[in-house]
N, C-alpha and C. Protein backbone atom coordinates (compact mmCIF):
# COMPACT_ATOMS: atom_id res chain seq x y z
N MET A 1 -58.56 -46.78 26.79
CA MET A 1 -57.91 -45.71 26.07
C MET A 1 -56.43 -46.05 26.37
N LYS A 2 -55.58 -45.77 25.09
CA LYS A 2 -54.17 -46.13 25.13
C LYS A 2 -53.33 -44.82 24.69
N ALA A 3 -52.28 -44.63 25.36
CA ALA A 3 -51.21 -43.71 25.13
C ALA A 3 -50.61 -43.83 23.88
N ARG A 4 -50.00 -42.88 23.32
CA ARG A 4 -49.35 -43.22 22.09
C ARG A 4 -48.27 -44.22 22.40
N SER A 5 -47.65 -44.40 23.25
CA SER A 5 -46.85 -45.49 23.54
C SER A 5 -47.21 -47.00 23.45
N GLY A 6 -48.56 -47.07 23.51
CA GLY A 6 -49.23 -48.24 23.64
C GLY A 6 -49.70 -48.84 24.93
N LYS A 7 -49.38 -48.22 26.01
CA LYS A 7 -49.46 -48.54 27.35
C LYS A 7 -50.89 -48.05 27.62
N PRO A 8 -51.71 -48.66 28.34
CA PRO A 8 -52.93 -48.31 28.77
C PRO A 8 -52.92 -47.10 29.85
N LEU A 9 -53.82 -46.13 29.65
CA LEU A 9 -53.81 -45.10 30.55
C LEU A 9 -54.90 -45.52 31.82
N HIS A 10 -54.33 -45.01 33.07
CA HIS A 10 -55.29 -45.22 34.14
C HIS A 10 -55.36 -43.91 34.99
N TYR A 11 -56.76 -43.56 35.25
CA TYR A 11 -56.80 -42.38 36.05
C TYR A 11 -57.40 -42.66 37.35
N LYS A 12 -56.99 -42.10 38.43
CA LYS A 12 -57.76 -42.26 39.68
C LYS A 12 -57.93 -40.86 39.91
N GLY A 13 -59.10 -40.65 40.85
CA GLY A 13 -59.33 -39.36 41.42
C GLY A 13 -60.33 -39.61 42.86
N ASP A 14 -60.02 -38.77 43.67
CA ASP A 14 -60.87 -38.87 44.98
C ASP A 14 -61.72 -37.57 45.11
N THR A 15 -63.02 -37.71 45.53
CA THR A 15 -63.85 -36.52 45.75
C THR A 15 -64.08 -36.57 47.41
N ASP A 16 -64.31 -35.45 47.76
CA ASP A 16 -64.71 -35.04 49.24
C ASP A 16 -66.12 -35.58 49.33
N HIS A 17 -66.36 -36.05 50.53
CA HIS A 17 -67.69 -36.53 50.81
C HIS A 17 -68.61 -35.07 51.00
N LEU A 18 -69.73 -35.17 50.16
CA LEU A 18 -70.68 -33.94 50.15
C LEU A 18 -71.47 -33.87 51.40
N PRO A 19 -71.45 -32.65 51.90
CA PRO A 19 -72.12 -32.57 53.38
C PRO A 19 -73.68 -33.05 53.30
N ASP A 20 -74.19 -33.63 54.38
CA ASP A 20 -75.62 -34.27 54.21
C ASP A 20 -76.57 -32.89 54.51
N THR A 21 -76.06 -31.75 54.58
CA THR A 21 -77.12 -30.64 55.04
C THR A 21 -77.33 -29.85 53.79
N ARG A 22 -76.79 -30.35 52.59
CA ARG A 22 -76.90 -29.51 51.44
C ARG A 22 -77.59 -30.15 50.10
N ILE A 23 -78.42 -29.75 49.43
CA ILE A 23 -78.98 -30.37 48.42
C ILE A 23 -78.77 -29.60 46.97
N TYR A 24 -78.16 -30.46 46.14
CA TYR A 24 -77.59 -29.80 44.75
C TYR A 24 -78.54 -30.09 43.82
N LEU A 25 -78.83 -29.04 42.88
CA LEU A 25 -79.81 -29.13 41.88
C LEU A 25 -79.02 -28.67 40.52
N ASN A 26 -78.82 -29.72 39.78
CA ASN A 26 -78.14 -29.32 38.33
C ASN A 26 -79.25 -29.17 37.39
N ILE A 27 -79.32 -27.99 36.91
CA ILE A 27 -80.31 -27.44 35.85
C ILE A 27 -79.80 -27.61 34.51
N LYS A 28 -78.56 -28.20 34.28
CA LYS A 28 -78.19 -28.15 32.91
C LYS A 28 -79.03 -28.94 31.90
N TYR A 29 -79.77 -30.02 32.56
CA TYR A 29 -80.30 -30.77 31.37
C TYR A 29 -81.80 -30.28 31.55
N LEU A 30 -82.22 -29.41 32.23
CA LEU A 30 -83.78 -28.85 32.11
C LEU A 30 -83.75 -28.13 30.73
N ASP A 31 -84.99 -28.09 30.42
CA ASP A 31 -85.40 -27.50 28.99
C ASP A 31 -85.56 -25.83 29.40
N LYS A 32 -85.22 -25.13 28.30
CA LYS A 32 -85.43 -23.45 28.61
C LYS A 32 -86.88 -23.35 29.19
N GLY A 33 -86.91 -22.17 29.98
CA GLY A 33 -88.14 -21.80 30.66
C GLY A 33 -88.13 -21.40 31.96
N ARG A 34 -89.40 -21.07 32.45
CA ARG A 34 -89.48 -20.58 33.67
C ARG A 34 -89.83 -21.88 34.66
N TYR A 35 -89.21 -21.86 36.03
CA TYR A 35 -89.63 -23.02 36.64
C TYR A 35 -89.88 -22.54 38.15
N GLU A 36 -90.66 -23.49 38.84
CA GLU A 36 -90.90 -23.15 40.16
C GLU A 36 -90.41 -24.26 41.14
N LEU A 37 -89.56 -23.94 42.15
CA LEU A 37 -89.17 -25.02 43.14
C LEU A 37 -89.82 -24.86 44.50
N ASN A 38 -90.53 -25.91 44.80
CA ASN A 38 -91.25 -25.77 46.06
C ASN A 38 -90.62 -26.86 47.23
N ILE A 39 -90.00 -26.17 48.15
CA ILE A 39 -89.53 -27.13 49.15
C ILE A 39 -90.50 -27.42 50.32
N MET A 40 -90.55 -28.54 50.54
CA MET A 40 -91.75 -29.07 51.31
C MET A 40 -91.15 -29.81 52.68
N HIS A 41 -91.68 -29.68 53.78
CA HIS A 41 -91.49 -30.50 55.03
C HIS A 41 -92.66 -30.80 55.71
N LYS A 42 -92.91 -32.24 55.85
CA LYS A 42 -94.16 -32.82 56.31
C LYS A 42 -95.59 -32.08 55.93
N ASN A 43 -95.58 -32.25 54.54
CA ASN A 43 -96.60 -31.89 53.48
C ASN A 43 -96.75 -30.14 53.84
N LYS A 44 -96.05 -29.52 54.24
CA LYS A 44 -96.08 -27.91 54.38
C LYS A 44 -94.97 -27.36 53.72
N LEU A 45 -95.35 -26.29 52.92
CA LEU A 45 -94.43 -25.57 51.93
C LEU A 45 -93.73 -24.76 52.96
N ILE A 46 -92.41 -24.82 52.68
CA ILE A 46 -91.44 -24.02 53.38
C ILE A 46 -90.83 -22.70 52.64
N LYS A 47 -90.66 -23.12 51.48
CA LYS A 47 -89.93 -21.98 50.52
C LYS A 47 -90.41 -22.31 49.16
N LYS A 48 -90.80 -21.30 48.29
CA LYS A 48 -91.28 -21.24 47.03
C LYS A 48 -90.20 -20.46 46.23
N ILE A 49 -89.45 -20.88 45.35
CA ILE A 49 -88.57 -20.37 44.54
C ILE A 49 -88.82 -20.29 42.93
N HIS A 50 -88.77 -19.13 42.33
CA HIS A 50 -88.82 -19.04 40.75
C HIS A 50 -87.58 -19.00 40.27
N PHE A 51 -87.04 -19.52 39.09
CA PHE A 51 -85.97 -19.08 38.50
C PHE A 51 -86.14 -19.45 37.02
N ASN A 52 -85.40 -18.90 36.02
CA ASN A 52 -85.51 -18.97 34.65
C ASN A 52 -84.28 -19.75 34.16
N LYS A 53 -84.41 -20.69 33.12
CA LYS A 53 -83.39 -21.21 32.52
C LYS A 53 -83.11 -20.71 31.12
N LYS A 54 -82.12 -20.09 30.80
CA LYS A 54 -82.07 -19.27 29.45
C LYS A 54 -81.32 -20.19 28.54
C-alpha cells in the first residue's frame, strides 16, 4: 500500500506475551446455535459449559 505521496507505508506493532495460564476461545467464526464446551484433564471431565451464539 502506498500513501498519496507515492511513498510506501510501513506499520510496526508489538504485542505483549499472552499468559501461559489462559486459553482464549474466539467464537466469531462459529455458526449460530447452542454449544457445549467440555474441559478435560487426563480423560476426566473438569468443567462443562453451555453457551449460545446469537
